C-alpha atoms as a PDB file:
ATOM      1  CA  MET A   1       0.000   0.000   0.000  1.00  0.00           C
ATOM      2  CA  ASP A   2       1.321   3.417  -0.979  1.00  0.00           C
ATOM      3  CA  PHE A   3       1.270   6.146   1.653  1.00  0.00           C
ATOM      4  CA  SER A   4      -1.530   8.689   1.204  1.00  0.00           C
ATOM      5  CA  ILE A   5      -3.117  11.591   3.039  1.00  0.00           C
ATOM      6  CA  GLU A   6      -5.998   9.269   3.974  1.00  0.00           C
ATOM      7  CA  LEU A   7      -3.527   6.878   5.584  1.00  0.00           C
ATOM      8  CA  ALA A   8      -1.867   9.769   7.402  1.00  0.00           C
ATOM      9  CA  LYS A   9      -5.251  10.821   8.794  1.00  0.00           C
ATOM     10  CA  SER A  10      -6.111   7.282   9.908  1.00  0.00           C
ATOM     11  CA  LEU A  11      -2.798   7.042  11.787  1.00  0.00           C
ATOM     12  CA  ILE A  12      -3.401  10.412  13.466  1.00  0.00           C
ATOM     13  CA  ASP A  13      -6.892   9.286  14.510  1.00  0.00           C
ATOM     14  CA  SER A  14      -5.649   5.940  15.819  1.00  0.00           C
ATOM     15  CA  ALA A  15      -6.159   5.243  19.523  1.00  0.00           C
ATOM     16  CA  GLU A  16      -2.816   3.412  19.624  1.00  0.00           C
ATOM     17  CA  GLU A  17       0.267   5.193  20.959  1.00  0.00           C
ATOM     18  CA  PHE A  18       2.550   3.359  18.500  1.00  0.00           C
ATOM     19  CA  PRO A  19       0.365   2.677  15.443  1.00  0.00           C
ATOM     20  CA  VAL A  20       3.108   2.557  12.784  1.00  0.00           C
ATOM     21  CA  ASP A  21       4.781  -0.738  11.846  1.00  0.00           C
ATOM     22  CA  LEU A  22       8.397  -0.336  10.712  1.00  0.00           C
ATOM     23  CA  GLU A  23       7.882  -3.276   8.324  1.00  0.00           C
ATOM     24  CA  LYS A  24       5.670  -0.955   6.278  1.00  0.00           C
ATOM     25  CA  ALA A  25       7.252   2.355   7.211  1.00  0.00           C
ATOM     26  CA  TRP A  26      10.684   1.696   5.698  1.00  0.00           C
ATOM     27  CA  VAL A  27       9.042   1.043   2.316  1.00  0.00           C
ATOM     28  CA  TRP A  28       6.827   4.127   2.622  1.00  0.00           C
ATOM     29  CA  LEU A  29       9.894   6.218   3.454  1.00  0.00           C
ATOM     30  CA  GLY A  30      11.719   5.111   0.307  1.00  0.00           C
ATOM     31  CA  TYR A  31      14.560   3.117   1.902  1.00  0.00           C
ATOM     32  CA  SER A  32      16.095   0.424  -0.269  1.00  0.00           C
ATOM     33  CA  ARG A  33      16.736  -1.822   2.756  1.00  0.00           C
ATOM     34  CA  LYS A  34      15.073  -2.208   6.130  1.00  0.00           C
ATOM     35  CA  ASP A  35      18.390  -2.317   8.024  1.00  0.00           C
ATOM     36  CA  LYS A  36      19.232   1.198   6.810  1.00  0.00           C
ATOM     37  CA  ALA A  37      15.901   2.500   8.123  1.00  0.00           C
ATOM     38  CA  LEU A  38      16.450   0.666  11.412  1.00  0.00           C
ATOM     39  CA  GLU A  39      19.898   2.189  11.794  1.00  0.00           C
ATOM     40  CA  THR A  40      18.432   5.675  11.300  1.00  0.00           C
ATOM     41  CA  LEU A  41      15.626   4.933  13.757  1.00  0.00           C
ATOM     42  CA  LYS A  42      18.044   3.905  16.511  1.00  0.00           C
ATOM     43  CA  SER A  43      20.372   6.837  15.817  1.00  0.00           C
ATOM     44  CA  TYR A  44      17.833   9.655  15.853  1.00  0.00           C
ATOM     45  CA  PHE A  45      14.943   8.469  18.001  1.00  0.00           C
ATOM     46  CA  VAL A  46      14.421   7.354  21.597  1.00  0.00           C
ATOM     47  CA  GLU A  47      13.197   3.858  22.388  1.00  0.00           C
ATOM     48  CA  GLY A  48      10.187   3.913  24.686  1.00  0.00           C
ATOM     49  CA  GLU A  49       9.210   7.417  23.590  1.00  0.00           C
ATOM     50  CA  ASP A  50       9.387   7.462  19.794  1.00  0.00           C
ATOM     51  CA  PHE A  51       9.291   3.725  19.164  1.00  0.00           C
ATOM     52  CA  VAL A  52       9.031   0.387  20.955  1.00  0.00           C
ATOM     53  CA  PHE A  53      10.586  -2.972  20.193  1.00  0.00           C
ATOM     54  CA  HIS A  54       9.535  -6.510  21.003  1.00  0.00           C
ATOM     55  CA  GLN A  55       9.882  -9.989  19.563  1.00  0.00           C
ATOM     56  CA  SER A  56       6.702 -11.460  18.185  1.00  0.00           C
ATOM     57  CA  GLY A  57       7.322 -15.046  19.236  1.00  0.00           C
ATOM     58  CA  GLU A  58       6.807 -16.082  15.613  1.00  0.00           C
ATOM     59  CA  TRP A  59       9.843 -18.026  14.419  1.00  0.00           C
ATOM     60  CA  ARG A  60      11.320 -17.472  11.032  1.00  0.00           C
ATOM     61  CA  GLN A  61      13.168 -20.025   8.997  1.00  0.00           C
ATOM     62  CA  GLY A  62      16.549 -20.525  10.627  1.00  0.00           C
ATOM     63  CA  GLY A  63      15.244 -20.370  14.191  1.00  0.00           C
ATOM     64  CA  ARG A  64      15.041 -16.601  14.682  1.00  0.00           C
ATOM     65  CA  SER A  65      12.008 -14.794  16.104  1.00  0.00           C
ATOM     66  CA  LYS A  66      10.532 -11.833  14.272  1.00  0.00           C
ATOM     67  CA  ASP A  67      11.616  -8.398  15.549  1.00  0.00           C
ATOM     68  CA  LEU A  68       8.794  -5.882  15.670  1.00  0.00           C
ATOM     69  CA  TYR A  69       9.297  -2.128  15.803  1.00  0.00           C
ATOM     70  CA  ARG A  70       6.325   0.172  16.344  1.00  0.00           C
ATOM     71  CA  LEU A  71       6.561   3.946  15.889  1.00  0.00           C
ATOM     72  CA  THR A  72       4.540   6.928  17.034  1.00  0.00           C
ATOM     73  CA  VAL A  73       2.912   9.114  14.393  1.00  0.00           C
ATOM     74  CA  ASN A  74       5.232  11.982  15.264  1.00  0.00           C
ATOM     75  CA  CYS A  75       8.232   9.677  14.856  1.00  0.00           C
ATOM     76  CA  LEU A  76       7.121   8.742  11.339  1.00  0.00           C
ATOM     77  CA  LYS A  77       6.559  12.397  10.474  1.00  0.00           C
ATOM     78  CA  GLU A  78      10.065  13.390  11.607  1.00  0.00           C
ATOM     79  CA  PHE A  79      11.469  10.250   9.981  1.00  0.00           C
ATOM     80  CA  GLY A  80      10.176  11.650   6.699  1.00  0.00           C
ATOM     81  CA  MET A  81      12.477  14.650   7.042  1.00  0.00           C
ATOM     82  CA  ILE A  82      15.504  12.671   8.204  1.00  0.00           C
ATOM     83  CA  ALA A  83      15.209  10.026   5.463  1.00  0.00           C
ATOM     84  CA  ARG A  84      16.090  12.572   2.762  1.00  0.00           C
ATOM     85  CA  THR A  85      14.016  10.774   0.159  1.00  0.00           C
ATOM     86  CA  ASP A  86      11.215  12.072  -2.018  1.00  0.00           C
ATOM     87  CA  GLN A  87       8.838   9.593  -0.380  1.00  0.00           C
ATOM     88  CA  GLY A  88       9.871  10.775   3.088  1.00  0.00           C
ATOM     89  CA  LYS A  89       9.286  14.408   2.166  1.00  0.00           C
ATOM     90  CA  GLN A  90       5.847  13.509   0.815  1.00  0.00           C
ATOM     91  CA  ILE A  91       4.924  11.672   4.029  1.00  0.00           C
ATOM     92  CA  ARG A  92       5.872  14.676   6.128  1.00  0.00           C
ATOM     93  CA  LYS A  93       3.898  16.912   3.766  1.00  0.00           C
ATOM     94  CA  TYR A  94       0.796  14.732   4.196  1.00  0.00           C
ATOM     95  CA  PHE A  95       1.015  14.996   7.991  1.00  0.00           C
ATOM     96  CA  LEU A  96       1.452  18.759   7.813  1.00  0.00           C
ATOM     97  CA  GLU A  97      -1.603  19.002   5.544  1.00  0.00           C
ATOM     98  CA  CYS A  98      -3.628  16.976   8.067  1.00  0.00           C
ATOM     99  CA  GLU A  99      -2.551  19.347  10.842  1.00  0.00           C
ATOM    100  CA  LYS A 100      -3.509  22.346   8.705  1.00  0.00           C
ATOM    101  CA  ILE A 101      -6.970  20.879   8.026  1.00  0.00           C
ATOM    102  CA  ALA A 102      -7.474  20.127  11.725  1.00  0.00           C
ATOM    103  CA  LYS A 103      -6.591  23.697  12.703  1.00  0.00           C
ATOM    104  CA  ALA A 104      -8.931  25.112  10.061  1.00  0.00           C
ATOM    105  CA  LYS A 105     -11.952  23.232  11.442  1.00  0.00           C
ATOM    106  CA  PRO A 106     -14.081  25.474  13.652  1.00  0.00           C
ATOM    107  CA  GLU A 107     -14.046  24.242  17.213  1.00  0.00           C
ATOM    108  CA  ARG A 108     -17.399  23.345  18.672  1.00  0.00           C
ATOM    109  CA  PRO A 109     -18.205  25.682  21.538  1.00  0.00           C
ATOM    110  CA  PRO A 110     -18.099  23.941  24.914  1.00  0.00           C
ATOM    111  CA  ILE A 111     -21.420  22.959  26.424  1.00  0.00           C
ATOM    112  CA  GLY A 112     -22.463  25.513  29.019  1.00  0.00           C
ATOM    113  CA  ALA A 113     -22.822  24.435  32.642  1.00  0.00           C
ATOM    114  CA  TYR A 114     -26.575  25.025  32.745  1.00  0.00           C
ATOM    115  CA  ILE A 115     -27.088  23.431  29.330  1.00  0.00           C
ATOM    116  CA  GLU A 116     -25.248  20.347  30.588  1.00  0.00           C
ATOM    117  CA  ARG A 117     -27.333  20.404  33.765  1.00  0.00           C
ATOM    118  CA  VAL A 118     -30.618  20.538  31.857  1.00  0.00           C
ATOM    119  CA  LYS A 119     -29.370  17.855  29.453  1.00  0.00           C
ATOM    120  CA  SER A 120     -28.560  15.607  32.418  1.00  0.00           C
ATOM    121  CA  ILE A 121     -32.019  15.920  33.956  1.00  0.00           C
ATOM    122  CA  TYR A 122     -33.703  14.889  30.710  1.00  0.00           C
ATOM    123  CA  GLU A 123     -31.314  11.981  30.211  1.00  0.00           C
ATOM    124  CA  ASN A 124     -32.123  10.805  33.751  1.00  0.00           C
ATOM    125  CA  SER A 125     -35.861  11.501  33.645  1.00  0.00           C
ATOM    126  CA  HIS A 126     -36.548   7.808  34.304  1.00  0.00           C
ATOM    127  CA  ASN A 127     -35.304   8.370  37.869  1.00  0.00           C
ATOM    128  CA  ILE A 128     -38.038  10.925  38.620  1.00  0.00           C
ATOM    129  CA  PRO A 129     -41.001   9.312  40.434  1.00  0.00           C
ATOM    130  CA  ARG A 130     -44.110   9.016  38.288  1.00  0.00           C
ATOM    131  CA  GLY A 131     -46.509  11.889  38.859  1.00  0.00           C
ATOM    132  CA  TYR A 132     -43.762  14.225  40.084  1.00  0.00           C
ATOM    133  CA  TRP A 133     -41.761  17.074  38.554  1.00  0.00           C
ATOM    134  CA  THR A 134     -38.405  18.709  39.317  1.00  0.00           C
ATOM    135  CA  VAL A 135     -37.272  22.259  39.942  1.00  0.00           C
ATOM    136  CA  LEU A 136     -34.472  21.876  37.386  1.00  0.00           C
ATOM    137  CA  SER A 137     -36.783  20.822  34.558  1.00  0.00           C
ATOM    138  CA  GLU A 138     -39.421  23.482  35.330  1.00  0.00           C
ATOM    139  CA  ALA A 139     -36.841  26.265  35.756  1.00  0.00           C
ATOM    140  CA  SER A 140     -34.682  25.202  32.789  1.00  0.00           C
ATOM    141  CA  GLY A 141     -35.814  28.105  30.605  1.00  0.00           C
ATOM    142  CA  LEU A 142     -34.700  30.622  33.212  1.00  0.00           C
ATOM    143  CA  LEU A 143     -31.334  28.901  33.693  1.00  0.00           C
ATOM    144  CA  LEU A 144     -30.627  28.835  29.963  1.00  0.00           C
ATOM    145  CA  TRP A 145     -31.660  32.482  29.654  1.00  0.00           C
ATOM    146  CA  VAL A 146     -29.100  33.468  32.313  1.00  0.00           C
ATOM    147  CA  GLU A 147     -26.378  31.530  30.508  1.00  0.00           C
ATOM    148  CA  THR A 148     -27.126  32.357  26.872  1.00  0.00           C
ATOM    149  CA  VAL A 149     -28.703  35.838  26.990  1.00  0.00           C
ATOM    150  CA  LEU A 150     -27.025  37.456  29.985  1.00  0.00           C
ATOM    151  CA  LYS A 151     -23.873  35.470  29.059  1.00  0.00           C
ATOM    152  CA  LEU A 152     -22.719  35.306  32.661  1.00  0.00           C
ATOM    153  CA  PRO A 153     -19.587  33.190  33.318  1.00  0.00           C
ATOM    154  CA  VAL A 154     -21.484  30.195  34.656  1.00  0.00           C
ATOM    155  CA  ASP A 155     -19.493  27.131  35.722  1.00  0.00           C
ATOM    156  CA  LYS A 156     -20.536  23.755  37.103  1.00  0.00           C
ATOM    157  CA  PHE A 157     -20.421  25.059  40.674  1.00  0.00           C
ATOM    158  CA  ASP A 158     -22.944  27.856  39.992  1.00  0.00           C
ATOM    159  CA  LEU A 159     -26.197  26.413  41.255  1.00  0.00           C
ATOM    160  CA  MET A 160     -29.019  28.827  40.529  1.00  0.00           C
ATOM    161  CA  ASP A 161     -31.346  25.833  40.382  1.00  0.00           C
ATOM    162  CA  GLY A 162     -30.182  25.131  43.939  1.00  0.00           C
ATOM    163  CA  SER A 163     -31.112  28.684  44.901  1.00  0.00           C
ATOM    164  CA  ILE A 164     -34.530  28.257  43.295  1.00  0.00           C
ATOM    165  CA  GLY A 165     -34.999  24.917  45.049  1.00  0.00           C
ATOM    166  CA  ILE A 166     -34.178  26.306  48.513  1.00  0.00           C
ATOM    167  CA  HIS A 167     -36.494  29.309  48.158  1.00  0.00           C
ATOM    168  CA  TRP A 168     -39.266  27.141  46.730  1.00  0.00           C
ATOM    169  CA  ALA A 169     -38.963  24.606  49.563  1.00  0.00           C
ATOM    170  CA  ASN A 170     -39.282  27.425  52.110  1.00  0.00           C
ATOM    171  CA  TYR A 171     -42.208  29.021  50.278  1.00  0.00           C
ATOM    172  CA  ARG A 172     -44.288  25.837  50.062  1.00  0.00           C
ATOM    173  CA  THR A 173     -43.780  24.830  53.702  1.00  0.00           C
ATOM    174  CA  ASP A 174     -47.122  24.529  55.561  1.00  0.00           C
ATOM    175  CA  LYS A 175     -49.103  25.536  52.478  1.00  0.00           C
ATOM    176  CA  PRO A 176     -52.451  23.690  52.369  1.00  0.00           C
ATOM    177  CA  TRP A 177     -51.760  22.518  48.806  1.00  0.00           C
ATOM    178  CA  SER A 178     -48.275  21.082  49.501  1.00  0.00           C
ATOM    179  CA  ARG A 179     -47.861  17.302  49.246  1.00  0.00           C
ATOM    180  CA  ASP A 180     -45.078  14.936  50.280  1.00  0.00           C
ATOM    181  CA  ARG A 181     -41.966  15.411  48.154  1.00  0.00           C
ATOM    182  CA  GLN A 182     -39.779  12.518  46.957  1.00  0.00           C
ATOM    183  CA  GLN A 183     -36.039  12.341  46.458  1.00  0.00           C
ATOM    184  CA  TYR A 184     -34.430  11.266  43.189  1.00  0.00           C
ATOM    185  CA  HIS A 185     -30.920  11.374  41.690  1.00  0.00           C
ATOM    186  CA  TYR A 186     -29.323  12.110  38.347  1.00  0.00           C
ATOM    187  CA  HIS A 187     -25.850  11.689  36.823  1.00  0.00           C
ATOM    188  CA  PHE A 188     -23.603  14.191  35.090  1.00  0.00           C
ATOM    189  CA  SER A 189     -21.387  13.156  32.175  1.00  0.00           C
ATOM    190  CA  ASP A 190     -18.308  13.491  34.417  1.00  0.00           C
ATOM    191  CA  GLY A 191     -19.683  10.860  36.800  1.00  0.00           C
ATOM    192  CA  ARG A 192     -21.019  13.143  39.535  1.00  0.00           C
ATOM    193  CA  ILE A 193     -24.263  12.013  41.166  1.00  0.00           C
ATOM    194  CA  VAL A 194     -26.689  14.675  42.395  1.00  0.00           C
ATOM    195  CA  LYS A 195     -29.595  14.057  44.782  1.00  0.00           C
ATOM    196  CA  ALA A 196     -32.564  16.414  44.592  1.00  0.00           C
ATOM    197  CA  TRP A 197     -36.242  16.666  45.459  1.00  0.00           C
ATOM    198  CA  SER A 198     -39.214  16.120  43.191  1.00  0.00           C
ATOM    199  CA  TYR A 199     -42.676  17.547  43.825  1.00  0.00           C
ATOM    200  CA  HIS A 200     -46.191  16.311  43.152  1.00  0.00           C
ATOM    201  CA  ASN A 201     -47.782  17.386  39.878  1.00  0.00           C
ATOM    202  CA  SER A 202     -50.557  19.152  41.784  1.00  0.00           C
ATOM    203  CA  GLU A 203     -47.996  21.754  42.932  1.00  0.00           C
ATOM    204  CA  MET A 204     -46.743  22.619  39.451  1.00  0.00           C
ATOM    205  CA  VAL A 205     -49.114  25.550  38.863  1.00  0.00           C
ATOM    206  CA  GLU A 206     -48.197  27.023  42.246  1.00  0.00           C
ATOM    207  CA  PHE A 207     -44.491  26.710  41.400  1.00  0.00           C
ATOM    208  CA  ARG A 208     -44.814  28.359  38.011  1.00  0.00           C
ATOM    209  CA  THR A 209     -46.720  31.290  39.505  1.00  0.00           C
ATOM    210  CA  TRP A 210     -44.161  31.669  42.295  1.00  0.00           C
ATOM    211  CA  LEU A 211     -41.207  31.406  39.866  1.00  0.00           C
ATOM    212  CA  GLU A 212     -42.648  34.092  37.595  1.00  0.00           C
ATOM    213  CA  ASN A 213     -43.840  36.557  40.227  1.00  0.00           C
ATOM    214  CA  GLU A 214     -41.490  36.017  43.160  1.00  0.00           C
ATOM    215  CA  TYR A 215     -38.212  34.440  42.123  1.00  0.00           C
ATOM    216  CA  LYS A 216     -37.584  36.011  38.736  1.00  0.00           C
ATOM    217  CA  PHE A 217     -38.324  39.606  39.721  1.00  0.00           C
ATOM    218  CA  LYS A 218     -37.292  39.686  43.387  1.00  0.00           C
ATOM    219  CA  LEU A 219     -34.960  36.840  44.341  1.00  0.00           C
ATOM    220  CA  MET A 220     -33.034  36.194  41.111  1.00  0.00           C
ATOM    221  CA  PRO A 221     -31.628  39.744  40.723  1.00  0.00           C
ATOM    222  CA  SER A 222     -30.250  39.593  44.276  1.00  0.00           C
ATOM    223  CA  TYR A 223     -28.734  36.152  43.628  1.00  0.00           C
ATOM    224  CA  LEU A 224     -27.022  37.292  40.424  1.00  0.00           C
ATOM    225  CA  LEU A 225     -25.683  40.444  42.074  1.00  0.00           C
ATOM    226  CA  ARG A 226     -24.131  38.436  44.901  1.00  0.00           C
ATOM    227  CA  LYS A 227     -22.696  35.906  42.473  1.00  0.00           C
ATOM    228  CA  TYR A 228     -21.438  38.076  39.619  1.00  0.00           C
ATOM    229  CA  GLY A 229     -21.384  41.667  40.843  1.00  0.00           C
ATOM    230  CA  ALA A 230     -22.942  44.528  38.918  1.00  0.00           C
ATOM    231  CA  ILE A 231     -25.526  43.497  36.323  1.00  0.00           C
ATOM    232  CA  SER A 232     -28.441  45.252  34.697  1.00  0.00           C
ATOM    233  CA  LEU A 233     -31.518  44.707  36.850  1.00  0.00           C
ATOM    234  CA  GLU A 234     -33.613  45.859  33.887  1.00  0.00           C
ATOM    235  CA  SER A 235     -32.357  42.862  31.928  1.00  0.00           C
ATOM    236  CA  CYS A 236     -33.670  40.558  34.659  1.00  0.00           C
ATOM    237  CA  SER A 237     -37.075  42.177  34.507  1.00  0.00           C
ATOM    238  CA  VAL A 238     -37.583  41.206  30.867  1.00  0.00           C
ATOM    239  CA  ALA A 239     -36.579  37.558  31.205  1.00  0.00           C
END
């Protein structure tokens, strides 16, 4: 197989640390003999970092085991320059083109902390008791508004849904319409497990009214000021 830019890309994308077999590499690099390539490898590169060696256990004719040399992608790329062959120069050029293409690709913006939080609750919705709802799911629109419209520097330790949950729990205490709440848990993509409360569906209308009239206009501005400093209170009033 001739070396190509597609092969260069597949080696770059490989999960292996040493994906390149010297048995193929010396031909790709344009050496006339493998021993010449091996001599260059040992002279210019570091075993254990740039390449590894082991014996396969397969015995050749004459009673000798097969020596296997595996190279890193970066080793092969630099080998292309050291080999001083047209094939070696072309190999290095292919790798450089792959790097150029990778840099030109627009990076996907990282998932925001609140977006990840809302995503997690929907992925773990099966853990919510039937007939119950959660503060995080009901307040998700407000959380995403804070993150995407106000563009505040939210991180995974900013817990506005926790603030909402605490104030809501206090507000509903001893109300004639309050029912027993039930605990549930959900998982984040990084492995963290969060325990939270769920509330009976009969309380949902009360929560939505409280969130709109009490939390959003009175409690949320104070929370954001404490957390992030000066912000426009007018912007909170139009959420």
